[in-house]
Amino acid sequence: MPRIKCPNCKSSNTCRILYGLPAMDDKLEAEANAGRVHFGGCVVSFDDPNRHCNDCGTDFDTKTPRPTDEALHDG
């Protein structure tokens, strides 16, 4: 399965963002150290980003479609 690319730098070195107060265990710590999960904090809202770029640090959302440049212009 291809990795999700960052909309900012186009890197595929991205990971999921985990919110809340996770029960830290060896497996979760290993995932974080390997860059497979990023901790987003304990405050959770309805529009939090769900992906993090390990290269440029951008947090982004894959749940809500982003408009393309063409969609932003009338024509």
PDB file of N, CA and C in Angstrom:
ATOM      1  N   MET A   1       0.843  -1.180   0.000  1.00  0.00           N
ATOM      2  CA  MET A   1       0.000   0.000   0.000  1.00  0.00           C
ATOM      3  C   MET A   1       0.890   1.245   0.000  1.00  0.00           C
ATOM      4  N   PRO A   2       0.658   2.177  -0.950  1.00  0.00           N
ATOM      5  CA  PRO A   2       1.492   3.372  -1.006  1.00  0.00           C
ATOM      6  C   PRO A   2       1.259   4.280   0.202  1.00  0.00           C
ATOM      7  N   ARG A   3       2.305   4.953   0.613  1.00  0.00           N
ATOM      8  CA  ARG A   3       2.211   5.883   1.733  1.00  0.00           C
ATOM      9  C   ARG A   3       1.576   7.182   1.259  1.00  0.00           C
ATOM     10  N   ILE A   4       0.919   7.870   2.161  1.00  0.00           N
ATOM     11  CA  ILE A   4       0.253   9.131   1.845  1.00  0.00           C
ATOM     12  C   ILE A   4       1.298  10.235   1.746  1.00  0.00           C
ATOM     13  N   LYS A   5       1.227  11.037   0.686  1.00  0.00           N
ATOM     14  CA  LYS A   5       2.199  12.101   0.464  1.00  0.00           C
ATOM     15  C   LYS A   5       1.786  13.394   1.158  1.00  0.00           C
ATOM     16  N   CYS A   6       2.782  14.134   1.610  1.00  0.00           N
ATOM     17  CA  CYS A   6       2.582  15.434   2.238  1.00  0.00           C
ATOM     18  C   CYS A   6       2.163  16.452   1.178  1.00  0.00           C
ATOM     19  N   PRO A   7       1.117  17.249   1.428  1.00  0.00           N
ATOM     20  CA  PRO A   7       0.704  18.255   0.449  1.00  0.00           C
ATOM     21  C   PRO A   7       1.682  19.429   0.372  1.00  0.00           C
ATOM     22  N   ASN A   8       2.541  19.573   1.368  1.00  0.00           N
ATOM     23  CA  ASN A   8       3.487  20.689   1.394  1.00  0.00           C
ATOM     24  C   ASN A   8       4.782  20.364   0.647  1.00  0.00           C
ATOM     25  N   CYS A   9       5.459  19.272   1.023  1.00  0.00           N
ATOM     26  CA  CYS A   9       6.771  18.961   0.436  1.00  0.00           C
ATOM     27  C   CYS A   9       6.746  17.735  -0.478  1.00  0.00           C
ATOM     28  N   LYS A  10       5.606  17.072  -0.586  1.00  0.00           N
ATOM     29  CA  LYS A  10       5.400  15.889  -1.441  1.00  0.00           C
ATOM     30  C   LYS A  10       6.147  14.646  -0.968  1.00  0.00           C
ATOM     31  N   SER A  11       6.685  14.668   0.245  1.00  0.00           N
ATOM     32  CA  SER A  11       7.365  13.501   0.799  1.00  0.00           C
ATOM     33  C   SER A  11       6.341  12.424   1.150  1.00  0.00           C
ATOM     34  N   SER A  12       6.737  11.178   1.019  1.00  0.00           N
ATOM     35  CA  SER A  12       5.870  10.080   1.450  1.00  0.00           C
ATOM     36  C   SER A  12       6.271   9.581   2.838  1.00  0.00           C
ATOM     37  N   ASN A  13       7.161  10.300   3.504  1.00  0.00           N
ATOM     38  CA  ASN A  13       7.591   9.963   4.860  1.00  0.00           C
ATOM     39  C   ASN A  13       6.604  10.582   5.853  1.00  0.00           C
ATOM     40  N   THR A  14       5.378  10.056   5.848  1.00  0.00           N
ATOM     41  CA  THR A  14       4.315  10.583   6.703  1.00  0.00           C
ATOM     42  C   THR A  14       3.810   9.495   7.642  1.00  0.00           C
ATOM     43  N   CYS A  15       3.097   9.922   8.671  1.00  0.00           N
ATOM     44  CA  CYS A  15       2.557   8.967   9.640  1.00  0.00           C
ATOM     45  C   CYS A  15       1.233   9.489  10.182  1.00  0.00           C
ATOM     46  N   ARG A  16       0.537   8.627  10.878  1.00  0.00           N
ATOM     47  CA  ARG A  16      -0.740   9.014  11.476  1.00  0.00           C
ATOM     48  C   ARG A  16      -0.487   9.831  12.739  1.00  0.00           C
ATOM     49  N   ILE A  17      -1.458  10.669  13.092  1.00  0.00           N
ATOM     50  CA  ILE A  17      -1.392  11.451  14.324  1.00  0.00           C
ATOM     51  C   ILE A  17      -2.316  10.796  15.335  1.00  0.00           C
ATOM     52  N   LEU A  18      -1.810  10.594  16.524  1.00  0.00           N
ATOM     53  CA  LEU A  18      -2.572   9.981  17.605  1.00  0.00           C
ATOM     54  C   LEU A  18      -2.887  11.056  18.635  1.00  0.00           C
ATOM     55  N   TYR A  19      -4.170  11.216  18.958  1.00  0.00           N
ATOM     56  CA  TYR A  19      -4.613  12.220  19.927  1.00  0.00           C
ATOM     57  C   TYR A  19      -5.059  11.559  21.223  1.00  0.00           C
ATOM     58  N   GLY A  20      -5.129  12.356  22.274  1.00  0.00           N
ATOM     59  CA  GLY A  20      -5.583  11.870  23.571  1.00  0.00           C
ATOM     60  C   GLY A  20      -4.403  11.504  24.450  1.00  0.00           C
ATOM     61  N   LEU A  21      -4.676  10.734  25.476  1.00  0.00           N
ATOM     62  CA  LEU A  21      -3.640  10.263  26.392  1.00  0.00           C
ATOM     63  C   LEU A  21      -3.462   8.763  26.191  1.00  0.00           C
ATOM     64  N   PRO A  22      -2.593   8.376  25.265  1.00  0.00           N
ATOM     65  CA  PRO A  22      -2.432   6.948  24.984  1.00  0.00           C
ATOM     66  C   PRO A  22      -1.719   6.229  26.122  1.00  0.00           C
ATOM     67  N   ALA A  23      -2.041   4.981  26.279  1.00  0.00           N
ATOM     68  CA  ALA A  23      -1.322   4.136  27.237  1.00  0.00           C
ATOM     69  C   ALA A  23      -0.012   3.736  26.567  1.00  0.00           C
ATOM     70  N   MET A  24       1.064   4.373  26.986  1.00  0.00           N
ATOM     71  CA  MET A  24       2.362   4.129  26.352  1.00  0.00           C
ATOM     72  C   MET A  24       2.881   2.750  26.730  1.00  0.00           C
ATOM     73  N   ASP A  25       3.148   1.956  25.721  1.00  0.00           N
ATOM     74  CA  ASP A  25       3.773   0.653  25.939  1.00  0.00           C
ATOM     75  C   ASP A  25       4.968   0.546  24.994  1.00  0.00           C
ATOM     76  N   ASP A  26       5.672  -0.556  25.050  1.00  0.00           N
ATOM     77  CA  ASP A  26       6.877  -0.715  24.234  1.00  0.00           C
ATOM     78  C   ASP A  26       6.576  -0.633  22.739  1.00  0.00           C
ATOM     79  N   LYS A  27       5.440  -1.200  22.322  1.00  0.00           N
ATOM     80  CA  LYS A  27       5.077  -1.194  20.905  1.00  0.00           C
ATOM     81  C   LYS A  27       4.811   0.229  20.420  1.00  0.00           C
ATOM     82  N   LEU A  28       4.034   1.003  21.180  1.00  0.00           N
ATOM     83  CA  LEU A  28       3.724   2.376  20.787  1.00  0.00           C
ATOM     84  C   LEU A  28       4.982   3.244  20.808  1.00  0.00           C
ATOM     85  N   GLU A  29       5.824   3.041  21.784  1.00  0.00           N
ATOM     86  CA  GLU A  29       7.079   3.796  21.849  1.00  0.00           C
ATOM     87  C   GLU A  29       7.966   3.477  20.642  1.00  0.00           C
ATOM     88  N   ALA A  30       8.016   2.215  20.242  1.00  0.00           N
ATOM     89  CA  ALA A  30       8.798   1.823  19.068  1.00  0.00           C
ATOM     90  C   ALA A  30       8.226   2.449  17.796  1.00  0.00           C
ATOM     91  N   GLU A  31       6.894   2.495  17.672  1.00  0.00           N
ATOM     92  CA  GLU A  31       6.259   3.120  16.510  1.00  0.00           C
ATOM     93  C   GLU A  31       6.587   4.606  16.450  1.00  0.00           C
ATOM     94  N   ALA A  32       6.539   5.278  17.599  1.00  0.00           N
ATOM     95  CA  ALA A  32       6.861   6.708  17.645  1.00  0.00           C
ATOM     96  C   ALA A  32       8.326   6.945  17.282  1.00  0.00           C
ATOM     97  N   ASN A  33       9.215   6.145  17.828  1.00  0.00           N
ATOM     98  CA  ASN A  33      10.645   6.299  17.545  1.00  0.00           C
ATOM     99  C   ASN A  33      10.975   6.020  16.085  1.00  0.00           C
ATOM    100  N   ALA A  34      10.193   5.164  15.446  1.00  0.00           N
ATOM    101  CA  ALA A  34      10.407   4.826  14.035  1.00  0.00           C
ATOM    102  C   ALA A  34       9.713   5.804  13.087  1.00  0.00           C
ATOM    103  N   GLY A  35       8.968   6.778  13.627  1.00  0.00           N
ATOM    104  CA  GLY A  35       8.275   7.744  12.787  1.00  0.00           C
ATOM    105  C   GLY A  35       6.998   7.221  12.184  1.00  0.00           C
ATOM    106  N   ARG A  36       6.412   6.193  12.777  1.00  0.00           N
ATOM    107  CA  ARG A  36       5.157   5.635  12.262  1.00  0.00           C
ATOM    108  C   ARG A  36       3.934   6.217  12.952  1.00  0.00           C
ATOM    109  N   VAL A  37       4.138   6.981  14.038  1.00  0.00           N
ATOM    110  CA  VAL A  37       3.042   7.643  14.729  1.00  0.00           C
ATOM    111  C   VAL A  37       3.580   8.945  15.319  1.00  0.00           C
ATOM    112  N   HIS A  38       2.736   9.980  15.341  1.00  0.00           N
ATOM    113  CA  HIS A  38       3.086  11.292  15.888  1.00  0.00           C
ATOM    114  C   HIS A  38       2.022  11.646  16.918  1.00  0.00           C
ATOM    115  N   PHE A  39       2.430  12.139  18.067  1.00  0.00           N
ATOM    116  CA  PHE A  39       1.479  12.482  19.120  1.00  0.00           C
ATOM    117  C   PHE A  39       0.968  13.903  18.907  1.00  0.00           C
ATOM    118  N   GLY A  40      -0.362  14.027  18.806  1.00  0.00           N
ATOM    119  CA  GLY A  40      -0.990  15.310  18.508  1.00  0.00           C
ATOM    120  C   GLY A  40      -1.447  16.084  19.720  1.00  0.00           C
ATOM    121  N   GLY A  41      -1.311  15.518  20.897  1.00  0.00           N
ATOM    122  CA  GLY A  41      -1.736  16.207  22.114  1.00  0.00           C
ATOM    123  C   GLY A  41      -3.016  15.619  22.666  1.00  0.00           C
ATOM    124  N   CYS A  42      -3.393  16.095  23.848  1.00  0.00           N
ATOM    125  CA  CYS A  42      -4.553  15.507  24.517  1.00  0.00           C
ATOM    126  C   CYS A  42      -5.846  16.275  24.250  1.00  0.00           C
ATOM    127  N   VAL A  43      -5.765  17.469  23.668  1.00  0.00           N
ATOM    128  CA  VAL A  43      -6.967  18.233  23.335  1.00  0.00           C
ATOM    129  C   VAL A  43      -7.416  17.805  21.943  1.00  0.00           C
ATOM    130  N   VAL A  44      -8.633  17.303  21.850  1.00  0.00           N
ATOM    131  CA  VAL A  44      -9.153  16.771  20.590  1.00  0.00           C
ATOM    132  C   VAL A  44     -10.332  17.621  20.144  1.00  0.00           C
ATOM    133  N   SER A  45     -10.338  18.015  18.859  1.00  0.00           N
ATOM    134  CA  SER A  45     -11.472  18.752  18.304  1.00  0.00           C
ATOM    135  C   SER A  45     -11.967  18.030  17.055  1.00  0.00           C
ATOM    136  N   PHE A  46     -12.986  18.560  16.433  1.00  0.00           N
ATOM    137  CA  PHE A  46     -13.614  17.874  15.304  1.00  0.00           C
ATOM    138  C   PHE A  46     -12.829  18.000  14.003  1.00  0.00           C
ATOM    139  N   ASP A  47     -11.899  18.951  13.926  1.00  0.00           N
ATOM    140  CA  ASP A  47     -11.203  19.158  12.654  1.00  0.00           C
ATOM    141  C   ASP A  47      -9.680  19.022  12.767  1.00  0.00           C
ATOM    142  N   ASP A  48      -9.231  18.173  13.663  1.00  0.00           N
ATOM    143  CA  ASP A  48      -7.797  17.952  13.831  1.00  0.00           C
ATOM    144  C   ASP A  48      -7.223  17.223  12.616  1.00  0.00           C
ATOM    145  N   PRO A  49      -5.996  17.568  12.212  1.00  0.00           N
ATOM    146  CA  PRO A  49      -5.360  16.824  11.125  1.00  0.00           C
ATOM    147  C   PRO A  49      -5.082  15.387  11.547  1.00  0.00           C
ATOM    148  N   ASN A  50      -5.040  14.489  10.581  1.00  0.00           N
ATOM    149  CA  ASN A  50      -4.826  13.078  10.917  1.00  0.00           C
ATOM    150  C   ASN A  50      -3.498  12.520  10.406  1.00  0.00           C
ATOM    151  N   ARG A  51      -2.686  13.347   9.730  1.00  0.00           N
ATOM    152  CA  ARG A  51      -1.383  12.903   9.227  1.00  0.00           C
ATOM    153  C   ARG A  51      -0.313  13.939   9.564  1.00  0.00           C
ATOM    154  N   HIS A  52       0.929  13.464   9.687  1.00  0.00           N
ATOM    155  CA  HIS A  52       2.080  14.315  10.002  1.00  0.00           C
ATOM    156  C   HIS A  52       3.217  13.964   9.051  1.00  0.00           C
ATOM    157  N   CYS A  53       3.896  14.980   8.529  1.00  0.00           N
ATOM    158  CA  CYS A  53       5.059  14.754   7.670  1.00  0.00           C
ATOM    159  C   CYS A  53       6.312  14.751   8.540  1.00  0.00           C
ATOM    160  N   ASN A  54       7.046  13.659   8.497  1.00  0.00           N
ATOM    161  CA  ASN A  54       8.279  13.552   9.274  1.00  0.00           C
ATOM    162  C   ASN A  54       9.418  14.372   8.681  1.00  0.00           C
ATOM    163  N   ASP A  55       9.295  14.811   7.426  1.00  0.00           N
ATOM    164  CA  ASP A  55      10.368  15.575   6.789  1.00  0.00           C
ATOM    165  C   ASP A  55      10.226  17.082   7.006  1.00  0.00           C
ATOM    166  N   CYS A  56       9.045  17.648   6.744  1.00  0.00           N
ATOM    167  CA  CYS A  56       8.890  19.105   6.872  1.00  0.00           C
ATOM    168  C   CYS A  56       8.093  19.521   8.106  1.00  0.00           C
ATOM    169  N   GLY A  57       7.465  18.560   8.799  1.00  0.00           N
ATOM    170  CA  GLY A  57       6.733  18.868  10.023  1.00  0.00           C
ATOM    171  C   GLY A  57       5.300  19.319   9.827  1.00  0.00           C
ATOM    172  N   THR A  58       4.804  19.299   8.597  1.00  0.00           N
ATOM    173  CA  THR A  58       3.435  19.715   8.322  1.00  0.00           C
ATOM    174  C   THR A  58       2.444  18.685   8.843  1.00  0.00           C
ATOM    175  N   ASP A  59       1.411  19.159   9.534  1.00  0.00           N
ATOM    176  CA  ASP A  59       0.274  18.323   9.907  1.00  0.00           C
ATOM    177  C   ASP A  59      -0.824  18.585   8.888  1.00  0.00           C
ATOM    178  N   PHE A  60      -1.454  17.536   8.381  1.00  0.00           N
ATOM    179  CA  PHE A  60      -2.478  17.716   7.362  1.00  0.00           C
ATOM    180  C   PHE A  60      -3.584  16.690   7.530  1.00  0.00           C
ATOM    181  N   ASP A  61      -4.675  16.927   6.810  1.00  0.00           N
ATOM    182  CA  ASP A  61      -5.884  16.123   6.953  1.00  0.00           C
ATOM    183  C   ASP A  61      -6.163  15.382   5.655  1.00  0.00           C
ATOM    184  N   THR A  62      -6.399  14.096   5.745  1.00  0.00           N
ATOM    185  CA  THR A  62      -6.773  13.322   4.559  1.00  0.00           C
ATOM    186  C   THR A  62      -8.252  12.977   4.554  1.00  0.00           C
ATOM    187  N   LYS A  63      -8.968  13.351   5.617  1.00  0.00           N
ATOM    188  CA  LYS A  63     -10.395  13.030   5.707  1.00  0.00           C
ATOM    189  C   LYS A  63     -11.234  13.984   4.873  1.00  0.00           C
ATOM    190  N   THR A  64     -10.815  15.252   4.774  1.00  0.00           N
ATOM    191  CA  THR A  64     -11.558  16.269   4.054  1.00  0.00           C
ATOM    192  C   THR A  64     -10.847  16.565   2.746  1.00  0.00           C
ATOM    193  N   PRO A  65     -11.529  16.434   1.616  1.00  0.00           N
ATOM    194  CA  PRO A  65     -10.871  16.721   0.343  1.00  0.00           C
ATOM    195  C   PRO A  65     -10.398  18.168   0.290  1.00  0.00           C
ATOM    196  N   ARG A  66      -9.197  18.359  -0.232  1.00  0.00           N
ATOM    197  CA  ARG A  66      -8.650  19.703  -0.391  1.00  0.00           C
ATOM    198  C   ARG A  66      -8.957  20.179  -1.805  1.00  0.00           C
ATOM    199  N   PRO A  67      -9.322  21.449  -1.955  1.00  0.00           N
ATOM    200  CA  PRO A  67      -9.588  21.947  -3.306  1.00  0.00           C
ATOM    201  C   PRO A  67      -8.302  22.010  -4.118  1.00  0.00           C
ATOM    202  N   THR A  68      -8.423  21.742  -5.391  1.00  0.00           N
ATOM    203  CA  THR A  68      -7.272  21.878  -6.279  1.00  0.00           C
ATOM    204  C   THR A  68      -7.123  23.344  -6.658  1.00  0.00           C
ATOM    205  N   ASP A  69      -5.984  23.706  -7.224  1.00  0.00           N
ATOM    206  CA  ASP A  69      -5.782  25.086  -7.663  1.00  0.00           C
ATOM    207  C   ASP A  69      -6.851  25.497  -8.667  1.00  0.00           C
ATOM    208  N   GLU A  70      -7.213  24.567  -9.555  1.00  0.00           N
ATOM    209  CA  GLU A  70      -8.222  24.877 -10.563  1.00  0.00           C
ATOM    210  C   GLU A  70      -9.572  25.181  -9.917  1.00  0.00           C
ATOM    211  N   ALA A  71      -9.897  24.495  -8.833  1.00  0.00           N
ATOM    212  CA  ALA A  71     -11.186  24.700  -8.176  1.00  0.00           C
ATOM    213  C   ALA A  71     -11.245  26.044  -7.462  1.00  0.00           C
ATOM    214  N   LEU A  72     -10.101  26.652  -7.198  1.00  0.00           N
ATOM    215  CA  LEU A  72     -10.072  27.932  -6.501  1.00  0.00           C
ATOM    216  C   LEU A  72     -10.266  29.115  -7.440  1.00  0.00           C
ATOM    217  N   HIS A  73     -10.208  28.879  -8.744  1.00  0.00           N
ATOM    218  CA  HIS A  73     -10.335  29.958  -9.727  1.00  0.00           C
ATOM    219  C   HIS A  73     -11.605  29.766 -10.540  1.00  0.00           C
ATOM    220  N   ASP A  74     -12.190  30.899 -10.953  1.00  0.00           N
ATOM    221  CA  ASP A  74     -13.430  30.852 -11.722  1.00  0.00           C
ATOM    222  C   ASP A  74     -13.217  30.368 -13.150  1.00  0.00           C
ATOM    223  N   GLY A  75     -12.074  30.529 -13.679  1.00  0.00           N
ATOM    224  CA  GLY A  75     -11.886  30.019 -15.019  1.00  0.00           C
ATOM    225  C   GLY A  75     -11.081  30.895 -15.850  1.00  0.00           C
TER     226      GLY A  75
END
